[in-house]
């Protein structure tokens, strides 16, 4: 169980760090391209409305050993996403990305335009505007989105079990370990894992309430 917990936290960390950088970059890349931005945001948000099993199956179809991309990775890098830590990370990234992106979008779009226009008049670069205007003024909304994304990535099951499998010590996260324990009839372990999941879920929820309460 300890290894499953460490694995879950590692996957969550990778997913959040990637999604944070990716979401901020994507927002400013398509800031002025409104039509293309709508399409990109549609695709980014779609995983919220798809069953996790569908996401997992699509990942297998797109990155499996028999897919075009999967063949390239295996041929030139001797690497496969199926049944790997990277595959589990990818599943967590996809299911949590819509939450974090939408949170960042709301955070940036609710900033008083006067601050942004003032920075532009002073000739502040886009990078410095992100660093000294967007992030400081929108950090509470971004933080709340990060917490929600962490909770979603931490509890991910359906997409992970399809793309990464349920390999103890390698891809078996806490939700998958709970599934294995129940399936094998080991209810003592299942109850222990359940308590840990409830504790972490409570922590995520408490942090979210704290951040949003301060924001209001």
C-alpha atoms as a PDB file:
ATOM      1  CA  UNK A   1       0.000   0.000   0.000  1.00  0.00           C
ATOM      2  CA  UNK A   2       2.855   2.394   0.792  1.00  0.00           C
ATOM      3  CA  UNK A   3       4.325   1.913  -2.666  1.00  0.00           C
ATOM      4  CA  UNK A   4       0.903   2.446  -4.254  1.00  0.00           C
ATOM      5  CA  UNK A   5       0.554   5.697  -2.286  1.00  0.00           C
ATOM      6  CA  UNK A   6       4.006   6.895  -3.367  1.00  0.00           C
ATOM      7  CA  UNK A   7       3.191   5.977  -6.957  1.00  0.00           C
ATOM      8  CA  UNK A   8      -0.116   7.854  -6.838  1.00  0.00           C
ATOM      9  CA  UNK A   9       1.550  10.967  -5.420  1.00  0.00           C
ATOM     10  CA  UNK A  10       4.325  10.761  -8.035  1.00  0.00           C
ATOM     11  CA  UNK A  11       1.789  10.547 -10.855  1.00  0.00           C
ATOM     12  CA  UNK A  12      -0.215  13.447  -9.427  1.00  0.00           C
ATOM     13  CA  UNK A  13       2.950  15.572  -9.168  1.00  0.00           C
ATOM     14  CA  UNK A  14       3.961  14.872 -12.773  1.00  0.00           C
ATOM     15  CA  UNK A  15       0.430  15.507 -14.058  1.00  0.00           C
ATOM     16  CA  UNK A  16      -0.030  18.811 -12.207  1.00  0.00           C
ATOM     17  CA  UNK A  17       3.387  20.223 -13.110  1.00  0.00           C
ATOM     18  CA  UNK A  18       2.927  19.343 -16.777  1.00  0.00           C
ATOM     19  CA  UNK A  19      -0.659  20.629 -16.927  1.00  0.00           C
ATOM     20  CA  UNK A  20       0.220  23.868 -15.161  1.00  0.00           C
ATOM     21  CA  UNK A  21       2.968  24.745 -17.644  1.00  0.00           C
ATOM     22  CA  UNK A  22       0.966  23.445 -20.619  1.00  0.00           C
ATOM     23  CA  UNK A  23      -2.244  25.278 -19.680  1.00  0.00           C
ATOM     24  CA  UNK A  24      -0.553  28.644 -19.135  1.00  0.00           C
ATOM     25  CA  UNK A  25       1.411  28.303 -22.371  1.00  0.00           C
ATOM     26  CA  UNK A  26      -1.666  27.261 -24.336  1.00  0.00           C
ATOM     27  CA  UNK A  27      -3.754  30.123 -22.987  1.00  0.00           C
ATOM     28  CA  UNK A  28      -1.323  32.762 -24.250  1.00  0.00           C
ATOM     29  CA  UNK A  29      -0.494  30.984 -27.515  1.00  0.00           C
ATOM     30  CA  UNK A  30      -4.158  31.083 -28.555  1.00  0.00           C
ATOM     31  CA  UNK A  31      -5.041  34.319 -26.747  1.00  0.00           C
ATOM     32  CA  UNK A  32      -5.590  36.274 -29.975  1.00  0.00           C
ATOM     33  CA  UNK A  33      -6.633  33.337 -32.179  1.00  0.00           C
ATOM     34  CA  UNK A  34     -10.260  33.207 -31.102  1.00  0.00           C
ATOM     35  CA  UNK A  35     -11.630  30.711 -33.634  1.00  0.00           C
ATOM     36  CA  UNK A  36      -8.793  28.259 -33.190  1.00  0.00           C
ATOM     37  CA  UNK A  37      -8.925  28.815 -29.428  1.00  0.00           C
ATOM     38  CA  UNK A  38     -12.555  27.651 -29.338  1.00  0.00           C
ATOM     39  CA  UNK A  39     -11.637  24.412 -31.100  1.00  0.00           C
ATOM     40  CA  UNK A  40      -8.648  23.793 -28.830  1.00  0.00           C
ATOM     41  CA  UNK A  41     -10.715  24.469 -25.713  1.00  0.00           C
ATOM     42  CA  UNK A  42     -13.437  22.137 -26.981  1.00  0.00           C
ATOM     43  CA  UNK A  43     -10.899  19.322 -27.363  1.00  0.00           C
ATOM     44  CA  UNK A  44      -9.286  20.096 -23.996  1.00  0.00           C
ATOM     45  CA  UNK A  45     -12.627  20.077 -22.184  1.00  0.00           C
ATOM     46  CA  UNK A  46     -13.994  16.964 -23.874  1.00  0.00           C
ATOM     47  CA  UNK A  47     -12.358  14.478 -21.412  1.00  0.00           C
ATOM     48  CA  UNK A  48     -14.608  15.823 -18.625  1.00  0.00           C
ATOM     49  CA  UNK A  49     -17.636  14.449 -20.476  1.00  0.00           C
ATOM     50  CA  UNK A  50     -16.058  11.192 -21.657  1.00  0.00           C
ATOM     51  CA  UNK A  51     -16.100   8.030 -19.531  1.00  0.00           C
ATOM     52  CA  UNK A  52     -12.544   7.313 -18.286  1.00  0.00           C
ATOM     53  CA  UNK A  53     -12.692   3.920 -19.993  1.00  0.00           C
ATOM     54  CA  UNK A  54     -13.220   5.683 -23.333  1.00  0.00           C
ATOM     55  CA  UNK A  55     -10.152   7.836 -22.696  1.00  0.00           C
ATOM     56  CA  UNK A  56      -8.119   4.761 -21.832  1.00  0.00           C
ATOM     57  CA  UNK A  57      -9.265   2.947 -24.960  1.00  0.00           C
ATOM     58  CA  UNK A  58      -8.452   5.965 -27.135  1.00  0.00           C
ATOM     59  CA  UNK A  59      -4.960   6.080 -25.605  1.00  0.00           C
ATOM     60  CA  UNK A  60      -4.474   2.408 -26.448  1.00  0.00           C
ATOM     61  CA  UNK A  61      -5.630   3.025 -30.015  1.00  0.00           C
ATOM     62  CA  UNK A  62      -3.369   6.069 -30.395  1.00  0.00           C
ATOM     63  CA  UNK A  63      -0.280   4.960 -28.467  1.00  0.00           C
ATOM     64  CA  UNK A  64      -0.474   1.164 -28.404  1.00  0.00           C
ATOM     65  CA  UNK A  65       2.292  -0.954 -29.859  1.00  0.00           C
ATOM     66  CA  UNK A  66       0.285  -1.440 -33.075  1.00  0.00           C
ATOM     67  CA  UNK A  67      -0.457   2.273 -33.558  1.00  0.00           C
ATOM     68  CA  UNK A  68       1.666   4.564 -35.746  1.00  0.00           C
ATOM     69  CA  UNK A  69       3.002   6.591 -32.820  1.00  0.00           C
ATOM     70  CA  UNK A  70       3.448   3.494 -30.670  1.00  0.00           C
ATOM     71  CA  UNK A  71       5.485   1.790 -33.381  1.00  0.00           C
ATOM     72  CA  UNK A  72       7.759   4.842 -33.720  1.00  0.00           C
ATOM     73  CA  UNK A  73       8.424   5.013 -29.979  1.00  0.00           C
ATOM     74  CA  UNK A  74       9.118   1.287 -29.779  1.00  0.00           C
ATOM     75  CA  UNK A  75      11.281   1.173 -32.903  1.00  0.00           C
ATOM     76  CA  UNK A  76      13.509   4.180 -32.205  1.00  0.00           C
ATOM     77  CA  UNK A  77      13.356   4.480 -28.412  1.00  0.00           C
ATOM     78  CA  UNK A  78      12.476   0.920 -27.413  1.00  0.00           C
ATOM     79  CA  UNK A  79       9.708   2.387 -25.287  1.00  0.00           C
ATOM     80  CA  UNK A  80       5.997   1.625 -24.969  1.00  0.00           C
ATOM     81  CA  UNK A  81       3.293   3.583 -23.155  1.00  0.00           C
ATOM     82  CA  UNK A  82       1.246   0.469 -22.462  1.00  0.00           C
ATOM     83  CA  UNK A  83       1.804  -0.969 -18.953  1.00  0.00           C
ATOM     84  CA  UNK A  84       4.214   1.807 -17.972  1.00  0.00           C
ATOM     85  CA  UNK A  85       4.519   4.584 -15.397  1.00  0.00           C
ATOM     86  CA  UNK A  86       4.491   7.092 -18.262  1.00  0.00           C
ATOM     87  CA  UNK A  87       1.184   5.664 -19.462  1.00  0.00           C
ATOM     88  CA  UNK A  88      -0.325   6.151 -15.993  1.00  0.00           C
ATOM     89  CA  UNK A  89       0.974   9.731 -15.949  1.00  0.00           C
ATOM     90  CA  UNK A  90      -0.530  10.379 -19.378  1.00  0.00           C
ATOM     91  CA  UNK A  91      -3.931   9.141 -18.221  1.00  0.00           C
ATOM     92  CA  UNK A  92      -3.777  11.426 -15.165  1.00  0.00           C
ATOM     93  CA  UNK A  93      -2.677  14.355 -17.324  1.00  0.00           C
ATOM     94  CA  UNK A  94      -5.581  13.992 -19.752  1.00  0.00           C
ATOM     95  CA  UNK A  95      -8.338  13.589 -17.146  1.00  0.00           C
ATOM     96  CA  UNK A  96      -7.118  16.486 -14.969  1.00  0.00           C
ATOM     97  CA  UNK A  97      -6.057  18.920 -17.719  1.00  0.00           C
ATOM     98  CA  UNK A  98      -9.578  20.315 -18.431  1.00  0.00           C
ATOM     99  CA  UNK A  99     -10.054  21.286 -14.780  1.00  0.00           C
ATOM    100  CA  UNK A 100      -6.734  23.075 -14.491  1.00  0.00           C
ATOM    101  CA  UNK A 101      -6.990  24.794 -17.865  1.00  0.00           C
ATOM    102  CA  UNK A 102     -10.485  26.120 -17.183  1.00  0.00           C
ATOM    103  CA  UNK A 103      -9.375  27.348 -13.766  1.00  0.00           C
ATOM    104  CA  UNK A 104      -6.412  29.206 -15.253  1.00  0.00           C
ATOM    105  CA  UNK A 105      -8.626  30.660 -17.983  1.00  0.00           C
ATOM    106  CA  UNK A 106     -11.098  32.003 -15.423  1.00  0.00           C
ATOM    107  CA  UNK A 107      -8.258  33.332 -13.261  1.00  0.00           C
ATOM    108  CA  UNK A 108      -6.664  35.258 -16.117  1.00  0.00           C
ATOM    109  CA  UNK A 109      -9.877  36.527 -17.700  1.00  0.00           C
ATOM    110  CA  UNK A 110     -11.229  37.963 -14.440  1.00  0.00           C
ATOM    111  CA  UNK A 111      -8.148  40.117 -13.835  1.00  0.00           C
ATOM    112  CA  UNK A 112      -8.875  43.843 -14.063  1.00  0.00           C
ATOM    113  CA  UNK A 113      -7.864  44.866 -17.579  1.00  0.00           C
ATOM    114  CA  UNK A 114      -6.424  48.132 -16.224  1.00  0.00           C
ATOM    115  CA  UNK A 115      -3.448  46.262 -14.771  1.00  0.00           C
ATOM    116  CA  UNK A 116      -2.782  44.486 -18.059  1.00  0.00           C
ATOM    117  CA  UNK A 117      -3.135  47.647 -20.133  1.00  0.00           C
ATOM    118  CA  UNK A 118      -0.818  49.548 -17.787  1.00  0.00           C
ATOM    119  CA  UNK A 119       1.831  46.861 -18.099  1.00  0.00           C
ATOM    120  CA  UNK A 120       1.474  46.931 -21.895  1.00  0.00           C
ATOM    121  CA  UNK A 121       1.861  50.737 -21.966  1.00  0.00           C
ATOM    122  CA  UNK A 122       5.043  50.415 -19.929  1.00  0.00           C
ATOM    123  CA  UNK A 123       6.423  47.960 -22.483  1.00  0.00           C
ATOM    124  CA  UNK A 124       6.498  44.987 -20.131  1.00  0.00           C
ATOM    125  CA  UNK A 125       7.262  41.735 -21.946  1.00  0.00           C
ATOM    126  CA  UNK A 126       4.679  38.964 -22.038  1.00  0.00           C
ATOM    127  CA  UNK A 127       6.841  36.728 -19.845  1.00  0.00           C
ATOM    128  CA  UNK A 128       7.183  39.431 -17.187  1.00  0.00           C
ATOM    129  CA  UNK A 129       3.459  40.159 -17.416  1.00  0.00           C
ATOM    130  CA  UNK A 130       2.756  36.512 -16.640  1.00  0.00           C
ATOM    131  CA  UNK A 131       5.237  36.608 -13.767  1.00  0.00           C
ATOM    132  CA  UNK A 132       4.297  39.956 -12.212  1.00  0.00           C
ATOM    133  CA  UNK A 133       0.676  40.551 -13.279  1.00  0.00           C
ATOM    134  CA  UNK A 134      -1.235  37.407 -14.233  1.00  0.00           C
ATOM    135  CA  UNK A 135       0.103  34.946 -11.656  1.00  0.00           C
ATOM    136  CA  UNK A 136       0.085  37.272  -8.600  1.00  0.00           C
ATOM    137  CA  UNK A 137      -3.443  38.523  -9.329  1.00  0.00           C
ATOM    138  CA  UNK A 138      -4.909  35.162 -10.297  1.00  0.00           C
ATOM    139  CA  UNK A 139      -3.034  32.829  -7.983  1.00  0.00           C
ATOM    140  CA  UNK A 140      -5.976  31.964  -5.709  1.00  0.00           C
ATOM    141  CA  UNK A 141      -8.168  30.783  -8.578  1.00  0.00           C
ATOM    142  CA  UNK A 142      -5.182  28.926 -10.047  1.00  0.00           C
ATOM    143  CA  UNK A 143      -4.473  27.315  -6.675  1.00  0.00           C
ATOM    144  CA  UNK A 144      -8.073  26.166  -6.322  1.00  0.00           C
ATOM    145  CA  UNK A 145      -7.918  24.673  -9.838  1.00  0.00           C
ATOM    146  CA  UNK A 146      -4.657  22.908  -8.956  1.00  0.00           C
ATOM    147  CA  UNK A 147      -6.257  21.341  -5.877  1.00  0.00           C
ATOM    148  CA  UNK A 148      -9.280  20.132  -7.862  1.00  0.00           C
ATOM    149  CA  UNK A 149      -6.959  18.715 -10.535  1.00  0.00           C
ATOM    150  CA  UNK A 150      -4.898  16.937  -7.902  1.00  0.00           C
ATOM    151  CA  UNK A 151      -8.019  15.315  -6.501  1.00  0.00           C
ATOM    152  CA  UNK A 152      -9.100  14.176  -9.973  1.00  0.00           C
ATOM    153  CA  UNK A 153      -5.671  12.798 -10.865  1.00  0.00           C
ATOM    154  CA  UNK A 154      -5.288  11.104  -7.472  1.00  0.00           C
ATOM    155  CA  UNK A 155      -8.579   9.244  -7.851  1.00  0.00           C
ATOM    156  CA  UNK A 156      -8.125   8.280 -11.513  1.00  0.00           C
ATOM    157  CA  UNK A 157      -8.995   4.642 -12.254  1.00  0.00           C
ATOM    158  CA  UNK A 158     -10.680   3.847 -15.577  1.00  0.00           C
ATOM    159  CA  UNK A 159      -8.222   5.313 -18.059  1.00  0.00           C
ATOM    160  CA  UNK A 160      -5.227   4.202 -15.989  1.00  0.00           C
ATOM    161  CA  UNK A 161      -6.159   0.546 -15.762  1.00  0.00           C
ATOM    162  CA  UNK A 162      -6.589   0.353 -19.546  1.00  0.00           C
ATOM    163  CA  UNK A 163      -3.426   2.150 -20.663  1.00  0.00           C
ATOM    164  CA  UNK A 164      -1.092   1.257 -17.771  1.00  0.00           C
ATOM    165  CA  UNK A 165      -2.617  -1.891 -16.381  1.00  0.00           C
ATOM    166  CA  UNK A 166      -2.623  -2.869 -12.718  1.00  0.00           C
ATOM    167  CA  UNK A 167       0.930  -4.021 -12.080  1.00  0.00           C
ATOM    168  CA  UNK A 168       1.894  -4.040  -8.368  1.00  0.00           C
ATOM    169  CA  UNK A 169       4.984  -1.929  -7.743  1.00  0.00           C
ATOM    170  CA  UNK A 170       4.889  -0.407 -11.226  1.00  0.00           C
ATOM    171  CA  UNK A 171       1.505   0.998 -12.248  1.00  0.00           C
ATOM    172  CA  UNK A 172      -0.823   0.002  -9.393  1.00  0.00           C
ATOM    173  CA  UNK A 173      -1.975   3.307  -7.895  1.00  0.00           C
ATOM    174  CA  UNK A 174      -4.104   3.431  -4.727  1.00  0.00           C
ATOM    175  CA  UNK A 175      -7.465   3.171  -6.555  1.00  0.00           C
ATOM    176  CA  UNK A 176      -6.126   0.200  -8.526  1.00  0.00           C
ATOM    177  CA  UNK A 177      -4.704  -1.380  -5.365  1.00  0.00           C
ATOM    178  CA  UNK A 178      -8.139  -1.049  -3.763  1.00  0.00           C
ATOM    179  CA  UNK A 179      -9.693  -2.784  -6.770  1.00  0.00           C
ATOM    180  CA  UNK A 180      -7.165  -5.634  -6.552  1.00  0.00           C
ATOM    181  CA  UNK A 181      -7.712  -6.063  -2.823  1.00  0.00           C
ATOM    182  CA  UNK A 182     -11.492  -6.252  -3.232  1.00  0.00           C
ATOM    183  CA  UNK A 183     -11.194  -8.621  -6.188  1.00  0.00           C
ATOM    184  CA  UNK A 184      -8.919 -10.991  -4.241  1.00  0.00           C
ATOM    185  CA  UNK A 185     -11.088 -10.874  -1.120  1.00  0.00           C
ATOM    186  CA  UNK A 186      -8.435  -9.136   0.989  1.00  0.00           C
ATOM    187  CA  UNK A 187     -10.842  -6.840   2.769  1.00  0.00           C
ATOM    188  CA  UNK A 188      -8.404  -5.879   5.513  1.00  0.00           C
ATOM    189  CA  UNK A 189      -6.079  -4.300   2.958  1.00  0.00           C
ATOM    190  CA  UNK A 190      -9.060  -2.887   1.079  1.00  0.00           C
ATOM    191  CA  UNK A 191     -10.303  -1.154   4.234  1.00  0.00           C
ATOM    192  CA  UNK A 192      -6.846   0.262   4.938  1.00  0.00           C
ATOM    193  CA  UNK A 193      -6.580   1.656   1.424  1.00  0.00           C
ATOM    194  CA  UNK A 194     -10.112   3.032   1.718  1.00  0.00           C
ATOM    195  CA  UNK A 195      -9.155   4.961   4.862  1.00  0.00           C
ATOM    196  CA  UNK A 196      -6.076   6.434   3.144  1.00  0.00           C
ATOM    197  CA  UNK A 197      -8.141   7.478   0.110  1.00  0.00           C
ATOM    198  CA  UNK A 198     -10.747   9.093   2.350  1.00  0.00           C
ATOM    199  CA  UNK A 199      -8.045  10.959   4.275  1.00  0.00           C
ATOM    200  CA  UNK A 200      -6.424  12.357   1.134  1.00  0.00           C
ATOM    201  CA  UNK A 201      -9.798  13.213  -0.386  1.00  0.00           C
ATOM    202  CA  UNK A 202     -10.654  15.068   2.816  1.00  0.00           C
ATOM    203  CA  UNK A 203      -7.335  16.927   2.681  1.00  0.00           C
ATOM    204  CA  UNK A 204      -7.891  18.000  -0.935  1.00  0.00           C
ATOM    205  CA  UNK A 205     -11.441  19.136  -0.173  1.00  0.00           C
ATOM    206  CA  UNK A 206     -10.382  21.023   2.969  1.00  0.00           C
ATOM    207  CA  UNK A 207      -7.638  22.831   1.073  1.00  0.00           C
ATOM    208  CA  UNK A 208     -10.058  23.726  -1.702  1.00  0.00           C
ATOM    209  CA  UNK A 209     -12.610  25.106   0.772  1.00  0.00           C
ATOM    210  CA  UNK A 210      -9.862  27.078   2.555  1.00  0.00           C
ATOM    211  CA  UNK A 211      -8.550  28.630  -0.656  1.00  0.00           C
ATOM    212  CA  UNK A 212     -11.973  29.496  -2.085  1.00  0.00           C
ATOM    213  CA  UNK A 213     -13.141  30.878   1.296  1.00  0.00           C
ATOM    214  CA  UNK A 214     -10.174  33.249   1.451  1.00  0.00           C
ATOM    215  CA  UNK A 215     -10.796  34.243  -2.148  1.00  0.00           C
ATOM    216  CA  UNK A 216     -14.422  35.160  -1.451  1.00  0.00           C
END
